[in-house]
Amino acid sequence: MRSPPRARAHGEYLKSGFYQLALAADVPIGLGYIDYGRKQVGIDRYVRMTGNEEQDLQVLRDFYATIKPRRPGSAGGLKFRQRQP
C-alpha cells in the first residue's frame, strides 16, 4: 500500500493564498507555531496584513526567527514567488 502524499513539503517559497485571502477578507492572520526548543505549541498573536508584501513578510520573519523548528535544515524561506506579468 502506498503512503499518502505529504501535505507540506520543503519549498523555497511560501504559498501566497493565505495572504491574498487575508487581504481580500480584511481579517488578521494567526501566528501559530510549534517550538521544539521550548516544547511549546500555540498561537501567539494575530496580525493584520497591510498589503505591503515585504513589510508584512518581515513581520512574519521577525516572529518566526525565535521559533526552533523540528528540522532546522528543512525550513523554507519566508518569501513569495515573484508573479509573472
PDB file of N, CA and C in Angstrom:
ATOM      1  N   MET A   1       0.833  -1.165   0.000  1.00  0.00           N
ATOM      2  CA  MET A   1       0.000   0.000   0.000  1.00  0.00           C
ATOM      3  C   MET A   1       0.891   1.245   0.000  1.00  0.00           C
ATOM      4  N   ARG A   2       0.566   2.179  -0.867  1.00  0.00           N
ATOM      5  CA  ARG A   2       1.333   3.425  -0.940  1.00  0.00           C
ATOM      6  C   ARG A   2       0.951   4.358   0.193  1.00  0.00           C
ATOM      7  N   SER A   3       1.933   5.076   0.697  1.00  0.00           N
ATOM      8  CA  SER A   3       1.622   6.063   1.730  1.00  0.00           C
ATOM      9  C   SER A   3       1.058   7.317   1.069  1.00  0.00           C
ATOM     10  N   PRO A   4       0.220   8.054   1.779  1.00  0.00           N
ATOM     11  CA  PRO A   4      -0.362   9.265   1.198  1.00  0.00           C
ATOM     12  C   PRO A   4       0.711  10.331   0.990  1.00  0.00           C
ATOM     13  N   PRO A   5       0.503  11.239   0.056  1.00  0.00           N
ATOM     14  CA  PRO A   5       1.494  12.308  -0.171  1.00  0.00           C
ATOM     15  C   PRO A   5       1.575  13.220   1.049  1.00  0.00           C
ATOM     16  N   ARG A   6       2.742  13.790   1.231  1.00  0.00           N
ATOM     17  CA  ARG A   6       2.930  14.722   2.347  1.00  0.00           C
ATOM     18  C   ARG A   6       2.144  15.996   2.099  1.00  0.00           C
ATOM     19  N   ALA A   7       1.523  16.485   3.131  1.00  0.00           N
ATOM     20  CA  ALA A   7       0.721  17.703   3.000  1.00  0.00           C
ATOM     21  C   ALA A   7       1.609  18.930   2.825  1.00  0.00           C
ATOM     22  N   ARG A   8       2.711  18.983   3.550  1.00  0.00           N
ATOM     23  CA  ARG A   8       3.608  20.127   3.470  1.00  0.00           C
ATOM     24  C   ARG A   8       5.011  19.619   3.202  1.00  0.00           C
ATOM     25  N   ALA A   9       5.572  20.050   2.121  1.00  0.00           N
ATOM     26  CA  ALA A   9       6.937  19.670   1.786  1.00  0.00           C
ATOM     27  C   ALA A   9       7.807  20.929   1.788  1.00  0.00           C
ATOM     28  N   HIS A  10       9.091  20.730   1.939  1.00  0.00           N
ATOM     29  CA  HIS A  10      10.035  21.843   1.920  1.00  0.00           C
ATOM     30  C   HIS A  10       9.942  22.563   0.588  1.00  0.00           C
ATOM     31  N   GLY A  11       9.917  23.844   0.636  1.00  0.00           N
ATOM     32  CA  GLY A  11       9.892  24.650  -0.575  1.00  0.00           C
ATOM     33  C   GLY A  11      10.666  25.932  -0.356  1.00  0.00           C
ATOM     34  N   GLU A  12      11.098  26.505  -1.426  1.00  0.00           N
ATOM     35  CA  GLU A  12      11.874  27.733  -1.341  1.00  0.00           C
ATOM     36  C   GLU A  12      10.983  28.939  -1.036  1.00  0.00           C
ATOM     37  N   TYR A  13       9.711  28.833  -1.421  1.00  0.00           N
ATOM     38  CA  TYR A  13       8.785  29.956  -1.282  1.00  0.00           C
ATOM     39  C   TYR A  13       7.562  29.558  -0.471  1.00  0.00           C
ATOM     40  N   LEU A  14       6.915  30.567   0.121  1.00  0.00           N
ATOM     41  CA  LEU A  14       5.613  30.370   0.758  1.00  0.00           C
ATOM     42  C   LEU A  14       4.541  30.408  -0.320  1.00  0.00           C
ATOM     43  N   LYS A  15       3.480  29.692  -0.119  1.00  0.00           N
ATOM     44  CA  LYS A  15       2.314  29.842  -0.984  1.00  0.00           C
ATOM     45  C   LYS A  15       1.620  31.112  -0.504  1.00  0.00           C
ATOM     46  N   SER A  16       1.128  31.915  -1.420  1.00  0.00           N
ATOM     47  CA  SER A  16       0.607  33.227  -1.034  1.00  0.00           C
ATOM     48  C   SER A  16      -0.911  33.268  -0.872  1.00  0.00           C
ATOM     49  N   GLY A  17      -1.585  32.138  -1.006  1.00  0.00           N
ATOM     50  CA  GLY A  17      -3.046  32.125  -0.901  1.00  0.00           C
ATOM     51  C   GLY A  17      -3.553  32.655   0.426  1.00  0.00           C
ATOM     52  N   PHE A  18      -2.912  32.273   1.542  1.00  0.00           N
ATOM     53  CA  PHE A  18      -3.348  32.744   2.861  1.00  0.00           C
ATOM     54  C   PHE A  18      -3.264  34.262   2.943  1.00  0.00           C
ATOM     55  N   TYR A  19      -2.236  34.815   2.316  1.00  0.00           N
ATOM     56  CA  TYR A  19      -2.010  36.257   2.338  1.00  0.00           C
ATOM     57  C   TYR A  19      -3.081  36.979   1.524  1.00  0.00           C
ATOM     58  N   GLN A  20      -3.328  36.482   0.316  1.00  0.00           N
ATOM     59  CA  GLN A  20      -4.337  37.089  -0.557  1.00  0.00           C
ATOM     60  C   GLN A  20      -5.726  37.022   0.074  1.00  0.00           C
ATOM     61  N   LEU A  21      -6.060  35.891   0.700  1.00  0.00           N
ATOM     62  CA  LEU A  21      -7.361  35.754   1.363  1.00  0.00           C
ATOM     63  C   LEU A  21      -7.492  36.707   2.551  1.00  0.00           C
ATOM     64  N   ALA A  22      -6.442  36.817   3.339  1.00  0.00           N
ATOM     65  CA  ALA A  22      -6.487  37.715   4.494  1.00  0.00           C
ATOM     66  C   ALA A  22      -6.685  39.161   4.057  1.00  0.00           C
ATOM     67  N   LEU A  23      -6.029  39.558   2.977  1.00  0.00           N
ATOM     68  CA  LEU A  23      -6.204  40.920   2.467  1.00  0.00           C
ATOM     69  C   LEU A  23      -7.611  41.134   1.921  1.00  0.00           C
ATOM     70  N   ALA A  24      -8.085  40.186   1.114  1.00  0.00           N
ATOM     71  CA  ALA A  24      -9.406  40.323   0.490  1.00  0.00           C
ATOM     72  C   ALA A  24     -10.526  40.330   1.527  1.00  0.00           C
ATOM     73  N   ALA A  25     -10.399  39.497   2.559  1.00  0.00           N
ATOM     74  CA  ALA A  25     -11.437  39.409   3.580  1.00  0.00           C
ATOM     75  C   ALA A  25     -11.232  40.413   4.714  1.00  0.00           C
ATOM     76  N   ASP A  26     -10.099  41.099   4.707  1.00  0.00           N
ATOM     77  CA  ASP A  26      -9.739  42.055   5.747  1.00  0.00           C
ATOM     78  C   ASP A  26      -9.821  41.415   7.138  1.00  0.00           C
ATOM     79  N   VAL A  27      -9.145  40.268   7.259  1.00  0.00           N
ATOM     80  CA  VAL A  27      -9.092  39.546   8.535  1.00  0.00           C
ATOM     81  C   VAL A  27      -7.633  39.355   8.948  1.00  0.00           C
ATOM     82  N   PRO A  28      -7.373  39.260  10.235  1.00  0.00           N
ATOM     83  CA  PRO A  28      -5.994  39.037  10.687  1.00  0.00           C
ATOM     84  C   PRO A  28      -5.563  37.586  10.478  1.00  0.00           C
ATOM     85  N   ILE A  29      -4.261  37.386  10.480  1.00  0.00           N
ATOM     86  CA  ILE A  29      -3.662  36.053  10.369  1.00  0.00           C
ATOM     87  C   ILE A  29      -3.132  35.677  11.752  1.00  0.00           C
ATOM     88  N   GLY A  30      -3.467  34.469  12.198  1.00  0.00           N
ATOM     89  CA  GLY A  30      -2.966  33.977  13.475  1.00  0.00           C
ATOM     90  C   GLY A  30      -1.574  33.387  13.288  1.00  0.00           C
ATOM     91  N   LEU A  31      -0.632  33.818  14.095  1.00  0.00           N
ATOM     92  CA  LEU A  31       0.735  33.317  14.009  1.00  0.00           C
ATOM     93  C   LEU A  31       0.883  32.118  14.947  1.00  0.00           C
ATOM     94  N   GLY A  32       0.675  30.936  14.384  1.00  0.00           N
ATOM     95  CA  GLY A  32       0.774  29.703  15.138  1.00  0.00           C
ATOM     96  C   GLY A  32       2.175  29.129  15.030  1.00  0.00           C
ATOM     97  N   TYR A  33       2.530  28.286  15.978  1.00  0.00           N
ATOM     98  CA  TYR A  33       3.880  27.747  15.990  1.00  0.00           C
ATOM     99  C   TYR A  33       3.941  26.441  16.768  1.00  0.00           C
ATOM    100  N   ILE A  34       4.972  25.678  16.468  1.00  0.00           N
ATOM    101  CA  ILE A  34       5.411  24.543  17.268  1.00  0.00           C
ATOM    102  C   ILE A  34       6.891  24.793  17.510  1.00  0.00           C
ATOM    103  N   ASP A  35       7.246  25.095  18.745  1.00  0.00           N
ATOM    104  CA  ASP A  35       8.629  25.401  19.095  1.00  0.00           C
ATOM    105  C   ASP A  35       9.229  24.171  19.774  1.00  0.00           C
ATOM    106  N   TYR A  36      10.073  23.465  19.053  1.00  0.00           N
ATOM    107  CA  TYR A  36      10.670  22.245  19.584  1.00  0.00           C
ATOM    108  C   TYR A  36      11.724  22.540  20.645  1.00  0.00           C
ATOM    109  N   GLY A  37      12.347  23.698  20.601  1.00  0.00           N
ATOM    110  CA  GLY A  37      13.352  24.053  21.595  1.00  0.00           C
ATOM    111  C   GLY A  37      12.747  24.247  22.979  1.00  0.00           C
ATOM    112  N   ARG A  38      11.598  24.919  23.025  1.00  0.00           N
ATOM    113  CA  ARG A  38      10.928  25.180  24.307  1.00  0.00           C
ATOM    114  C   ARG A  38       9.798  24.199  24.597  1.00  0.00           C
ATOM    115  N   LYS A  39       9.542  23.292  23.633  1.00  0.00           N
ATOM    116  CA  LYS A  39       8.457  22.319  23.769  1.00  0.00           C
ATOM    117  C   LYS A  39       7.135  23.035  24.029  1.00  0.00           C
ATOM    118  N   GLN A  40       6.817  23.980  23.125  1.00  0.00           N
ATOM    119  CA  GLN A  40       5.583  24.757  23.232  1.00  0.00           C
ATOM    120  C   GLN A  40       4.855  24.759  21.895  1.00  0.00           C
ATOM    121  N   VAL A  41       3.542  24.837  21.981  1.00  0.00           N
ATOM    122  CA  VAL A  41       2.684  24.929  20.806  1.00  0.00           C
ATOM    123  C   VAL A  41       1.670  26.027  21.085  1.00  0.00           C
ATOM    124  N   GLY A  42       1.337  26.810  20.082  1.00  0.00           N
ATOM    125  CA  GLY A  42       0.315  27.813  20.331  1.00  0.00           C
ATOM    126  C   GLY A  42       0.110  28.769  19.183  1.00  0.00           C
ATOM    127  N   ILE A  43      -0.771  29.706  19.428  1.00  0.00           N
ATOM    128  CA  ILE A  43      -0.979  30.852  18.548  1.00  0.00           C
ATOM    129  C   ILE A  43      -0.633  32.049  19.410  1.00  0.00           C
ATOM    130  N   ASP A  44       0.404  32.745  19.029  1.00  0.00           N
ATOM    131  CA  ASP A  44       0.935  33.817  19.862  1.00  0.00           C
ATOM    132  C   ASP A  44       0.148  35.112  19.718  1.00  0.00           C
ATOM    133  N   ARG A  45      -0.151  35.468  18.476  1.00  0.00           N
ATOM    134  CA  ARG A  45      -0.841  36.736  18.221  1.00  0.00           C
ATOM    135  C   ARG A  45      -1.499  36.696  16.862  1.00  0.00           C
ATOM    136  N   TYR A  46      -2.315  37.702  16.618  1.00  0.00           N
ATOM    137  CA  TYR A  46      -2.968  37.863  15.328  1.00  0.00           C
ATOM    138  C   TYR A  46      -2.481  39.173  14.733  1.00  0.00           C
ATOM    139  N   VAL A  47      -2.126  39.141  13.459  1.00  0.00           N
ATOM    140  CA  VAL A  47      -1.643  40.353  12.793  1.00  0.00           C
ATOM    141  C   VAL A  47      -2.462  40.599  11.528  1.00  0.00           C
ATOM    142  N   ARG A  48      -2.736  41.862  11.283  1.00  0.00           N
ATOM    143  CA  ARG A  48      -3.481  42.247  10.091  1.00  0.00           C
ATOM    144  C   ARG A  48      -2.460  42.638   9.015  1.00  0.00           C
ATOM    145  N   MET A  49      -2.601  42.089   7.841  1.00  0.00           N
ATOM    146  CA  MET A  49      -1.697  42.378   6.740  1.00  0.00           C
ATOM    147  C   MET A  49      -2.026  43.746   6.142  1.00  0.00           C
ATOM    148  N   THR A  50      -0.990  44.447   5.685  1.00  0.00           N
ATOM    149  CA  THR A  50      -1.158  45.814   5.189  1.00  0.00           C
ATOM    150  C   THR A  50      -1.293  45.902   3.676  1.00  0.00           C
ATOM    151  N   GLY A  51      -0.853  44.865   2.971  1.00  0.00           N
ATOM    152  CA  GLY A  51      -0.820  44.918   1.510  1.00  0.00           C
ATOM    153  C   GLY A  51       0.584  45.194   0.996  1.00  0.00           C
ATOM    154  N   ASN A  52       1.469  45.636   1.860  1.00  0.00           N
ATOM    155  CA  ASN A  52       2.875  45.830   1.517  1.00  0.00           C
ATOM    156  C   ASN A  52       3.566  44.491   1.803  1.00  0.00           C
ATOM    157  N   GLU A  53       3.767  43.684   0.752  1.00  0.00           N
ATOM    158  CA  GLU A  53       4.261  42.317   0.927  1.00  0.00           C
ATOM    159  C   GLU A  53       5.572  42.249   1.700  1.00  0.00           C
ATOM    160  N   GLU A  54       6.529  43.073   1.368  1.00  0.00           N
ATOM    161  CA  GLU A  54       7.831  42.996   2.031  1.00  0.00           C
ATOM    162  C   GLU A  54       7.718  43.333   3.512  1.00  0.00           C
ATOM    163  N   GLN A  55       6.970  44.359   3.822  1.00  0.00           N
ATOM    164  CA  GLN A  55       6.772  44.746   5.218  1.00  0.00           C
ATOM    165  C   GLN A  55       6.027  43.646   5.979  1.00  0.00           C
ATOM    166  N   ASP A  56       4.990  43.087   5.376  1.00  0.00           N
ATOM    167  CA  ASP A  56       4.217  42.026   6.026  1.00  0.00           C
ATOM    168  C   ASP A  56       5.053  40.765   6.230  1.00  0.00           C
ATOM    169  N   LEU A  57       5.846  40.417   5.233  1.00  0.00           N
ATOM    170  CA  LEU A  57       6.706  39.239   5.373  1.00  0.00           C
ATOM    171  C   LEU A  57       7.785  39.461   6.435  1.00  0.00           C
ATOM    172  N   GLN A  58       8.235  40.689   6.599  1.00  0.00           N
ATOM    173  CA  GLN A  58       9.226  40.974   7.641  1.00  0.00           C
ATOM    174  C   GLN A  58       8.628  40.747   9.021  1.00  0.00           C
ATOM    175  N   VAL A  59       7.354  41.073   9.191  1.00  0.00           N
ATOM    176  CA  VAL A  59       6.673  40.799  10.463  1.00  0.00           C
ATOM    177  C   VAL A  59       6.696  39.301  10.740  1.00  0.00           C
ATOM    178  N   LEU A  60       6.415  38.488   9.712  1.00  0.00           N
ATOM    179  CA  LEU A  60       6.436  37.031   9.863  1.00  0.00           C
ATOM    180  C   LEU A  60       7.852  36.536  10.157  1.00  0.00           C
ATOM    181  N   ARG A  61       8.831  37.037   9.430  1.00  0.00           N
ATOM    182  CA  ARG A  61      10.232  36.636   9.649  1.00  0.00           C
ATOM    183  C   ARG A  61      10.674  36.945  11.076  1.00  0.00           C
ATOM    184  N   ASP A  62      10.337  38.138  11.559  1.00  0.00           N
ATOM    185  CA  ASP A  62      10.731  38.537  12.911  1.00  0.00           C
ATOM    186  C   ASP A  62      10.100  37.611  13.949  1.00  0.00           C
ATOM    187  N   PHE A  63       8.834  37.273  13.762  1.00  0.00           N
ATOM    188  CA  PHE A  63       8.158  36.399  14.724  1.00  0.00           C
ATOM    189  C   PHE A  63       8.775  35.004  14.719  1.00  0.00           C
ATOM    190  N   TYR A  64       8.934  34.407  13.541  1.00  0.00           N
ATOM    191  CA  TYR A  64       9.400  33.029  13.455  1.00  0.00           C
ATOM    192  C   TYR A  64      10.910  32.874  13.654  1.00  0.00           C
ATOM    193  N   ALA A  65      11.647  33.975  13.726  1.00  0.00           N
ATOM    194  CA  ALA A  65      13.101  33.897  13.940  1.00  0.00           C
ATOM    195  C   ALA A  65      13.446  33.290  15.293  1.00  0.00           C
ATOM    196  N   THR A  66      12.555  33.398  16.262  1.00  0.00           N
ATOM    197  CA  THR A  66      12.832  32.877  17.602  1.00  0.00           C
ATOM    198  C   THR A  66      12.263  31.479  17.835  1.00  0.00           C
ATOM    199  N   ILE A  67      11.573  30.921  16.844  1.00  0.00           N
ATOM    200  CA  ILE A  67      10.938  29.610  16.976  1.00  0.00           C
ATOM    201  C   ILE A  67      11.885  28.536  16.439  1.00  0.00           C
ATOM    202  N   LYS A  68      12.140  27.502  17.232  1.00  0.00           N
ATOM    203  CA  LYS A  68      13.042  26.434  16.798  1.00  0.00           C
ATOM    204  C   LYS A  68      12.232  25.315  16.137  1.00  0.00           C
ATOM    205  N   PRO A  69      12.454  25.076  14.830  1.00  0.00           N
ATOM    206  CA  PRO A  69      11.724  24.014  14.136  1.00  0.00           C
ATOM    207  C   PRO A  69      12.259  22.626  14.467  1.00  0.00           C
ATOM    208  N   ARG A  70      11.494  21.617  14.131  1.00  0.00           N
ATOM    209  CA  ARG A  70      11.914  20.234  14.374  1.00  0.00           C
ATOM    210  C   ARG A  70      13.148  19.894  13.555  1.00  0.00           C
ATOM    211  N   ARG A  71      13.135  20.282  12.287  1.00  0.00           N
ATOM    212  CA  ARG A  71      14.261  20.027  11.382  1.00  0.00           C
ATOM    213  C   ARG A  71      14.745  21.365  10.817  1.00  0.00           C
ATOM    214  N   PRO A  72      15.653  22.034  11.506  1.00  0.00           N
ATOM    215  CA  PRO A  72      16.094  23.367  11.074  1.00  0.00           C
ATOM    216  C   PRO A  72      16.607  23.416   9.637  1.00  0.00           C
ATOM    217  N   GLY A  73      17.248  22.380   9.175  1.00  0.00           N
ATOM    218  CA  GLY A  73      17.777  22.379   7.814  1.00  0.00           C
ATOM    219  C   GLY A  73      16.708  22.305   6.737  1.00  0.00           C
ATOM    220  N   SER A  74      15.504  21.935   7.118  1.00  0.00           N
ATOM    221  CA  SER A  74      14.412  21.812   6.148  1.00  0.00           C
ATOM    222  C   SER A  74      13.507  23.035   6.115  1.00  0.00           C
ATOM    223  N   ALA A  75      13.779  24.024   6.941  1.00  0.00           N
ATOM    224  CA  ALA A  75      12.926  25.205   6.985  1.00  0.00           C
ATOM    225  C   ALA A  75      13.047  25.987   5.682  1.00  0.00           C
ATOM    226  N   GLY A  76      11.926  26.360   5.132  1.00  0.00           N
ATOM    227  CA  GLY A  76      11.917  27.140   3.896  1.00  0.00           C
ATOM    228  C   GLY A  76      12.049  28.621   4.188  1.00  0.00           C
ATOM    229  N   GLY A  77      12.250  29.388   3.149  1.00  0.00           N
ATOM    230  CA  GLY A  77      12.348  30.835   3.301  1.00  0.00           C
ATOM    231  C   GLY A  77      10.979  31.469   3.449  1.00  0.00           C
ATOM    232  N   LEU A  78      10.935  32.620   4.067  1.00  0.00           N
ATOM    233  CA  LEU A  78       9.679  33.345   4.201  1.00  0.00           C
ATOM    234  C   LEU A  78       9.629  34.428   3.130  1.00  0.00           C
ATOM    235  N   LYS A  79       9.328  33.983   1.925  1.00  0.00           N
ATOM    236  CA  LYS A  79       9.193  34.903   0.794  1.00  0.00           C
ATOM    237  C   LYS A  79       8.227  34.285  -0.201  1.00  0.00           C
ATOM    238  N   PHE A  80       7.597  35.155  -0.989  1.00  0.00           N
ATOM    239  CA  PHE A  80       6.673  34.695  -2.024  1.00  0.00           C
ATOM    240  C   PHE A  80       7.400  34.627  -3.353  1.00  0.00           C
ATOM    241  N   ARG A  81       6.941  33.744  -4.212  1.00  0.00           N
ATOM    242  CA  ARG A  81       7.463  33.668  -5.566  1.00  0.00           C
ATOM    243  C   ARG A  81       7.058  34.938  -6.316  1.00  0.00           C
ATOM    244  N   GLN A  82       7.966  35.460  -7.142  1.00  0.00           N
ATOM    245  CA  GLN A  82       7.648  36.644  -7.950  1.00  0.00           C
ATOM    246  C   GLN A  82       6.562  36.288  -8.955  1.00  0.00           C
ATOM    247  N   ARG A  83       5.585  37.171  -9.057  1.00  0.00           N
ATOM    248  CA  ARG A  83       4.487  36.938 -10.010  1.00  0.00           C
ATOM    249  C   ARG A  83       4.945  37.244 -11.425  1.00  0.00           C
ATOM    250  N   GLN A  84       4.450  36.434 -12.346  1.00  0.00           N
ATOM    251  CA  GLN A  84       4.747  36.650 -13.771  1.00  0.00           C
ATOM    252  C   GLN A  84       3.775  37.682 -14.321  1.00  0.00           C
ATOM    253  N   PRO A  85       4.256  38.671 -15.099  1.00  0.00           N
ATOM    254  CA  PRO A  85       3.351  39.697 -15.658  1.00  0.00           C
ATOM    255  C   PRO A  85       2.399  39.142 -16.700  1.00  0.00           C
TER     256      PRO A  85
END
